[in-house]
Protein backbone atom coordinates (compact mmCIF):
# COMPACT_ATOMS: atom_id res chain seq x y z
CA MET A 1 183.97 96.85 59.07
CA LYS A 2 184.91 93.95 56.89
CA ILE A 3 184.25 94.32 53.18
CA SER A 4 184.22 91.02 51.39
CA THR A 5 184.79 90.39 47.74
CA SER A 6 181.21 89.15 47.50
CA TYR A 7 179.93 92.47 48.85
CA LEU A 8 181.92 94.45 46.27
CA PHE A 9 180.56 92.26 43.48
CA ASP A 10 176.95 92.57 44.69
CA ARG A 11 177.25 96.33 45.08
CA ALA A 12 178.71 96.78 41.59
CA ILE A 13 176.12 94.51 39.97
CA SER A 14 173.28 96.34 41.76
CA GLN A 15 174.60 99.70 40.59
CA MET A 16 174.95 98.54 36.97
CA THR A 17 171.50 96.98 37.04
CA THR A 18 169.96 100.26 38.23
CA VAL A 19 171.74 102.26 35.54
CA GLN A 20 170.78 99.73 32.85
CA THR A 21 167.14 99.83 33.94
CA ASP A 22 167.07 103.63 33.83
CA LEU A 23 168.78 103.63 30.44
CA ALA A 24 166.38 101.05 29.02
CA HIS A 25 163.43 103.13 30.24
CA THR A 26 164.81 106.31 28.66
CA GLN A 27 165.52 104.48 25.40
CA ALA A 28 161.93 103.20 25.38
CA LEU A 29 160.66 106.76 25.91
CA VAL A 30 162.78 108.04 23.03
CA ALA A 31 161.60 105.21 20.78
CA SER A 32 157.92 105.92 21.53
CA GLY A 33 158.19 109.70 21.64
CA LYS A 34 155.90 109.69 24.69
CA GLN A 35 156.40 110.93 28.24
CA VAL A 36 154.45 108.07 29.83
CA LEU A 37 154.78 104.43 28.77
CA ASN A 38 152.73 102.83 31.54
CA PRO A 39 150.01 104.41 33.71
CA SER A 40 151.95 103.30 36.81
CA ASP A 41 154.86 105.55 35.78
CA ALA A 42 152.78 108.73 36.32
CA PRO A 43 149.16 107.97 37.36
CA ASN A 44 147.91 111.56 37.40
CA GLN A 45 149.48 112.39 34.06
CA ALA A 46 148.20 109.13 32.53
CA ALA A 47 144.68 109.93 33.75
CA ALA A 48 144.86 113.41 32.19
CA ILE A 49 146.04 111.90 28.89
CA GLN A 50 143.16 109.42 28.94
CA ARG A 51 140.62 112.20 29.54
CA LEU A 52 142.01 114.25 26.67
CA GLN A 53 142.01 111.27 24.32
CA SER A 54 138.39 110.51 25.24
CA ALA A 55 137.45 114.12 24.53
CA LEU A 56 139.17 113.93 21.14
CA ASN A 57 137.38 110.68 20.30
CA LYS A 58 134.07 112.33 21.15
CA GLN A 59 134.85 115.25 18.82
CA ASP A 60 135.76 112.78 16.06
CA SER A 61 132.40 111.08 16.58
CA TYR A 62 130.62 114.43 16.30
CA ALA A 63 132.53 115.18 13.09
CA LYS A 64 131.52 111.83 11.54
CA THR A 65 127.88 112.47 12.43
CA LEU A 66 128.09 115.91 10.86
CA ALA A 67 129.58 114.44 7.69
CA THR A 68 126.56 112.13 7.41
CA VAL A 69 124.18 115.02 8.05
CA GLN A 70 125.91 117.18 5.44
CA SER A 71 125.68 114.36 2.90
CA ARG A 72 121.92 114.07 3.49
CA LEU A 73 121.45 117.83 3.32
CA SER A 74 123.32 117.93 0.02
CA ALA A 75 121.06 115.16 -1.33
CA GLU A 76 117.96 116.98 -0.08
CA ASP A 77 119.08 120.23 -1.67
CA SER A 78 119.71 118.60 -5.05
CA THR A 79 116.41 116.69 -4.94
CA LEU A 80 114.35 119.73 -3.99
CA GLN A 81 116.03 121.86 -6.64
CA ASN A 82 115.06 119.29 -9.26
CA ALA A 83 111.52 119.13 -7.86
CA SER A 84 111.30 122.92 -8.10
CA ASP A 85 112.38 122.80 -11.75
CA LEU A 86 109.71 120.18 -12.50
CA LEU A 87 106.98 122.27 -10.85
CA ILE A 88 108.05 125.27 -12.91
CA ARG A 89 107.79 123.15 -16.05
CA ILE A 90 104.35 121.92 -14.93
CA LYS A 91 103.26 125.54 -14.57
CA GLU A 92 104.54 126.40 -18.05
CA ILE A 93 102.53 123.53 -19.55
CA SER A 94 99.46 124.49 -17.51
CA VAL A 95 99.65 128.07 -18.72
CA GLN A 96 99.80 126.76 -22.26
CA ALA A 97 96.82 124.48 -21.60
CA ALA A 98 94.83 127.39 -20.12
CA ASN A 99 95.09 129.26 -23.41
CA GLY A 100 91.66 129.34 -24.99
CA THR A 101 93.10 128.87 -28.46
CA VAL A 102 94.46 125.41 -27.60
CA GLY A 103 92.22 122.57 -28.77
CA PRO A 104 91.18 119.44 -26.79
CA GLU A 105 93.56 117.18 -28.70
CA SER A 106 96.51 119.43 -27.90
CA ARG A 107 95.52 119.46 -24.23
CA ILE A 108 95.44 115.66 -24.20
CA SER A 109 99.03 115.72 -25.50
CA LEU A 110 99.98 118.23 -22.82
CA SER A 111 98.39 116.06 -20.13
CA THR A 112 100.60 113.17 -21.26
CA GLU A 113 103.69 115.31 -20.67
CA LEU A 114 102.31 116.34 -17.29
CA LYS A 115 101.96 112.68 -16.33
CA GLY A 116 105.63 112.15 -17.13
CA LEU A 117 106.61 115.13 -14.96
CA ARG A 118 104.40 113.87 -12.16
CA SER A 119 106.15 110.48 -12.34
CA GLN A 120 109.54 112.21 -12.05
CA LEU A 121 108.30 114.20 -9.05
CA LEU A 122 107.20 110.98 -7.33
CA SER A 123 110.63 109.48 -7.96
CA LEU A 124 112.28 112.54 -6.41
CA ALA A 125 109.94 112.40 -3.40
CA ASN A 126 111.10 108.82 -2.82
CA ALA A 127 114.80 109.63 -3.23
CA SER A 128 117.32 108.18 -0.76
CA ASP A 129 120.76 109.16 0.51
CA ALA A 130 124.11 107.41 0.00
CA ASN A 131 123.28 104.95 2.80
CA GLY A 132 119.96 103.92 1.27
CA ASN A 133 117.86 105.89 3.78
CA TYR A 134 114.88 107.75 2.34
CA LEU A 135 115.16 111.53 2.50
CA PHE A 136 111.54 112.49 3.12
CA SER A 137 109.98 109.69 5.19
CA GLY A 138 110.39 111.26 8.63
CA SER A 139 111.86 108.75 11.08
CA ARG A 140 110.91 105.77 8.90
CA LEU A 141 114.17 105.92 7.01
CA LYS A 142 113.87 102.44 5.48
CA SER A 143 110.30 102.88 4.17
CA ALA A 144 109.44 104.73 0.97
CA PRO A 145 107.56 107.89 1.99
CA PHE A 146 105.11 108.02 -0.93
CA ALA A 147 103.24 105.06 -2.40
CA GLU A 148 100.65 104.66 -5.12
CA VAL A 149 97.52 102.88 -3.93
CA ASP A 150 93.98 102.77 -5.39
CA GLN A 151 94.19 103.52 -9.12
CA GLY A 152 97.43 105.46 -8.85
CA HIS A 153 96.41 107.63 -5.90
CA VAL A 154 99.55 108.67 -4.00
CA VAL A 155 99.52 108.66 -0.20
CA TYR A 156 102.19 109.60 2.33
CA LYS A 157 103.44 106.55 4.24
CA GLY A 158 106.09 108.29 6.34
CA ASP A 159 105.58 109.93 9.73
CA GLN A 160 105.85 113.45 11.10
CA THR A 161 108.76 112.74 13.46
CA ARG A 162 111.97 114.68 13.12
CA VAL A 163 115.09 112.99 14.49
CA TYR A 164 117.80 115.15 16.08
CA VAL A 165 121.40 113.97 16.37
CA SER A 166 124.06 115.20 18.76
CA VAL A 167 126.86 117.13 17.03
CA GLY A 168 128.46 118.76 20.03
CA ASP A 169 128.28 119.08 23.78
CA GLY A 170 124.72 120.28 24.30
CA ARG A 171 124.19 120.83 20.55
CA SER A 172 121.96 118.84 18.18
CA ILE A 173 120.57 119.36 14.68
CA PRO A 174 117.79 117.64 12.68
CA PHE A 175 118.85 114.58 10.70
CA ASN A 176 115.71 113.98 8.65
CA ARG A 177 112.84 115.76 6.94
CA THR A 178 109.20 114.79 6.58
CA GLY A 179 107.59 114.39 3.17
CA THR A 180 104.72 116.72 4.04
CA ASN A 181 107.25 119.38 5.00
CA ALA A 182 108.90 119.25 1.57
CA PHE A 183 105.98 118.31 -0.70
CA VAL A 184 103.32 120.50 0.87
CA GLY A 185 99.66 120.00 0.01
CA VAL A 186 97.14 122.73 -0.73
CA THR A 187 94.01 124.15 0.89
CA ARG A 188 90.96 124.62 -1.30
CA THR A 189 87.91 126.76 -0.73
CA ASP A 190 84.71 125.77 -2.50
CA SER A 191 81.90 128.03 -3.67
CA ALA A 192 80.25 127.74 -0.27
CA GLY A 193 83.39 128.94 1.48
CA GLN A 194 84.23 125.51 2.91
CA LYS A 195 87.94 124.71 3.15
CA SER A 196 89.46 121.31 2.45
CA ASN A 197 93.00 119.97 2.25
CA ARG A 198 94.42 118.20 -0.77
CA GLU A 199 97.70 116.33 -0.76
CA PHE A 200 100.56 117.36 -3.04
CA PHE A 201 100.27 114.62 -5.64
CA SER A 202 96.47 114.59 -5.50
CA ALA A 203 96.48 118.27 -6.47
CA ILE A 204 98.78 117.50 -9.41
CA ASP A 205 96.55 114.59 -10.48
CA ASP A 206 93.53 116.92 -10.42
CA LEU A 207 95.40 119.37 -12.64
CA ILE A 208 96.37 116.62 -15.09
CA GLU A 209 92.76 115.44 -15.27
CA GLY A 210 91.58 119.02 -15.83
CA VAL A 211 94.02 119.46 -18.71
CA ASN A 212 93.04 116.11 -20.19
CA LYS A 213 89.33 117.05 -20.07
CA SER A 214 89.92 120.67 -21.14
CA ASP A 215 88.31 121.91 -17.90
CA LEU A 216 89.58 125.49 -17.82
CA ALA A 217 88.29 126.16 -14.30
CA VAL A 218 90.24 123.20 -12.93
CA ILE A 219 93.31 124.26 -14.91
CA GLN A 220 93.15 127.78 -13.46
CA ARG A 221 92.77 126.36 -9.98
CA GLY A 222 95.73 124.08 -10.64
CA LEU A 223 97.85 127.05 -11.70
CA SER A 224 97.13 128.79 -8.42
CA GLU A 225 97.82 125.64 -6.43
CA ASN A 226 101.07 125.10 -8.34
CA ASP A 227 102.33 128.42 -6.96
CA SER A 228 101.45 127.26 -3.44
CA MET A 229 103.25 123.93 -3.89
CA LEU A 230 106.28 125.70 -5.37
CA ASN A 231 106.36 127.99 -2.34
CA GLY A 232 106.42 124.89 -0.14
CA ILE A 233 109.41 123.47 -2.03
CA THR A 234 111.16 126.86 -1.84
CA LEU A 235 110.61 127.06 1.92
CA ALA A 236 111.97 123.52 2.34
CA LEU A 237 115.05 124.53 0.33
CA ALA A 238 115.53 127.52 2.61
CA ASN A 239 115.34 125.24 5.67
CA VAL A 240 117.91 122.90 4.10
CA GLY A 241 120.20 125.88 3.52
CA THR A 242 119.82 126.99 7.13
CA ASP A 243 120.59 123.50 8.43
CA SER A 244 123.63 123.33 6.12
CA ASN A 245 124.97 126.62 7.50
CA VAL A 246 124.50 125.36 11.06
CA ALA A 247 126.31 122.11 10.20
CA ASP A 248 129.21 123.98 8.57
CA HIS A 249 129.56 126.30 11.57
CA GLN A 250 129.45 123.39 14.03
CA LEU A 251 132.11 121.54 12.03
CA SER A 252 134.33 124.62 12.30
CA VAL A 253 133.76 124.68 16.07
CA ILE A 254 134.71 121.01 16.28
CA ASP A 255 137.92 121.61 14.29
CA GLN A 256 138.92 124.43 16.65
CA THR A 257 138.12 122.32 19.70
CA LYS A 258 140.21 119.44 18.36
CA ILE A 259 143.19 121.75 17.78
CA ALA A 260 142.99 123.00 21.37
CA LEU A 261 142.67 119.45 22.74
CA LYS A 262 145.57 118.17 20.64
CA THR A 263 147.77 121.04 21.83
CA THR A 264 146.98 120.25 25.46
CA LEU A 265 147.44 116.53 24.88
CA SER A 266 150.82 117.16 23.29
CA ASN A 267 151.96 119.00 26.41
CA PHE A 268 151.00 116.02 28.57
CA GLU A 269 152.01 113.22 26.24
CA ASP A 270 154.81 114.17 23.84
CA LEU A 271 158.39 113.72 24.96
CA ASP A 272 160.92 116.57 25.06
CA MET A 273 163.23 114.78 22.66
CA PRO A 274 166.43 116.87 23.07
CA LYS A 275 166.18 116.63 26.85
CA ALA A 276 165.50 112.89 26.73
CA ILE A 277 168.41 112.22 24.36
CA THR A 278 170.75 114.22 26.62
CA GLN A 279 169.56 112.18 29.60
CA MET A 280 170.07 108.96 27.66
CA ASN A 281 173.65 109.93 26.78
CA LYS A 282 174.39 110.69 30.43
CA GLN A 283 173.02 107.30 31.46
CA MET A 284 175.08 105.54 28.80
CA LEU A 285 178.22 107.25 30.13
CA ALA A 286 177.26 106.27 33.67
CA LEU A 287 176.76 102.67 32.59
CA GLU A 288 180.10 102.59 30.81
CA ALA A 289 181.76 104.02 33.94
CA SER A 290 180.09 101.39 36.12
CA GLN A 291 181.18 98.60 33.82
CA SER A 292 184.74 99.91 33.74
CA SER A 293 184.85 100.18 37.53
CA PHE A 294 183.45 96.68 37.92
CA ALA A 295 186.06 95.31 35.56
CA LYS A 296 188.83 96.78 37.73
CA ILE A 297 187.21 95.75 41.01
CA SER A 298 186.75 92.17 39.83
CA GLN A 299 190.54 91.90 39.30
CA LEU A 300 191.40 92.98 42.85
CA ASN A 301 192.73 90.19 45.08
CA LEU A 302 194.69 90.42 48.36
CA PHE A 303 197.01 87.68 47.15
CA ASN A 304 198.30 90.14 44.53
CA PHE A 305 199.87 92.14 47.37
CA ILE A 306 201.54 89.21 49.16
CA LYS A 307 205.19 88.93 48.31
């Protein structure tokens, strides 16, 4: 078999090119810290990495949703606590007004204070979250839930729809609350035993009018209804607390899930750095050896042996 100089050159160049390519690939792996640079390098492994990253992104999305829910729940809790305090103050004033020793002029002064408290309650009922969405309008987040219409009469403009958001695989929690769920109206029974419903702010307006007119029967009825409305606020606060506990627990579940996913992803994705650096050093030595051999081969010439 004849071995030409051209063949030796081509063989040496091919060998060096292969070693250089392998070295460049290893250096790229070390620089990135990843096992797979291109999906074509390891299709199955790349597919597994993509699935794990998608799962992590989904958990991040759940966590962001939960953060928004927790922010709303915190706003609801603060608003309802303030509303509870105002109702307690309304009861204190009503008790004072129900005292038979208090004169009509004093009751008129007390009714003025009650009007101010009622205005504060209406402001709380129309409170919004950090994103400008109303807290107690049901699914109509951009519409104020309570509005004053004919001669200051307050009506509920929201709806009764509760919106649930996904916070986990197969897990959802309520995102909103209806105004009638938080600011609960009352049921009255007249002398004939007939029952009728009265909205939250209408009941407060009736109480204010009773105090202003020194109508002790209306004041006493208002005191009883105040307890009912306060119970409604208290129940809404309890529901907010329950939802907050559920959100906190779900966030903990998400954190644990993310840790497990990141651990698995690391096994598929992160490079074994000591092993890769050792491999890179071996390839560098191999390249140097190839270059040295090529340098010697390129100097060989049969004419050097002719005397």
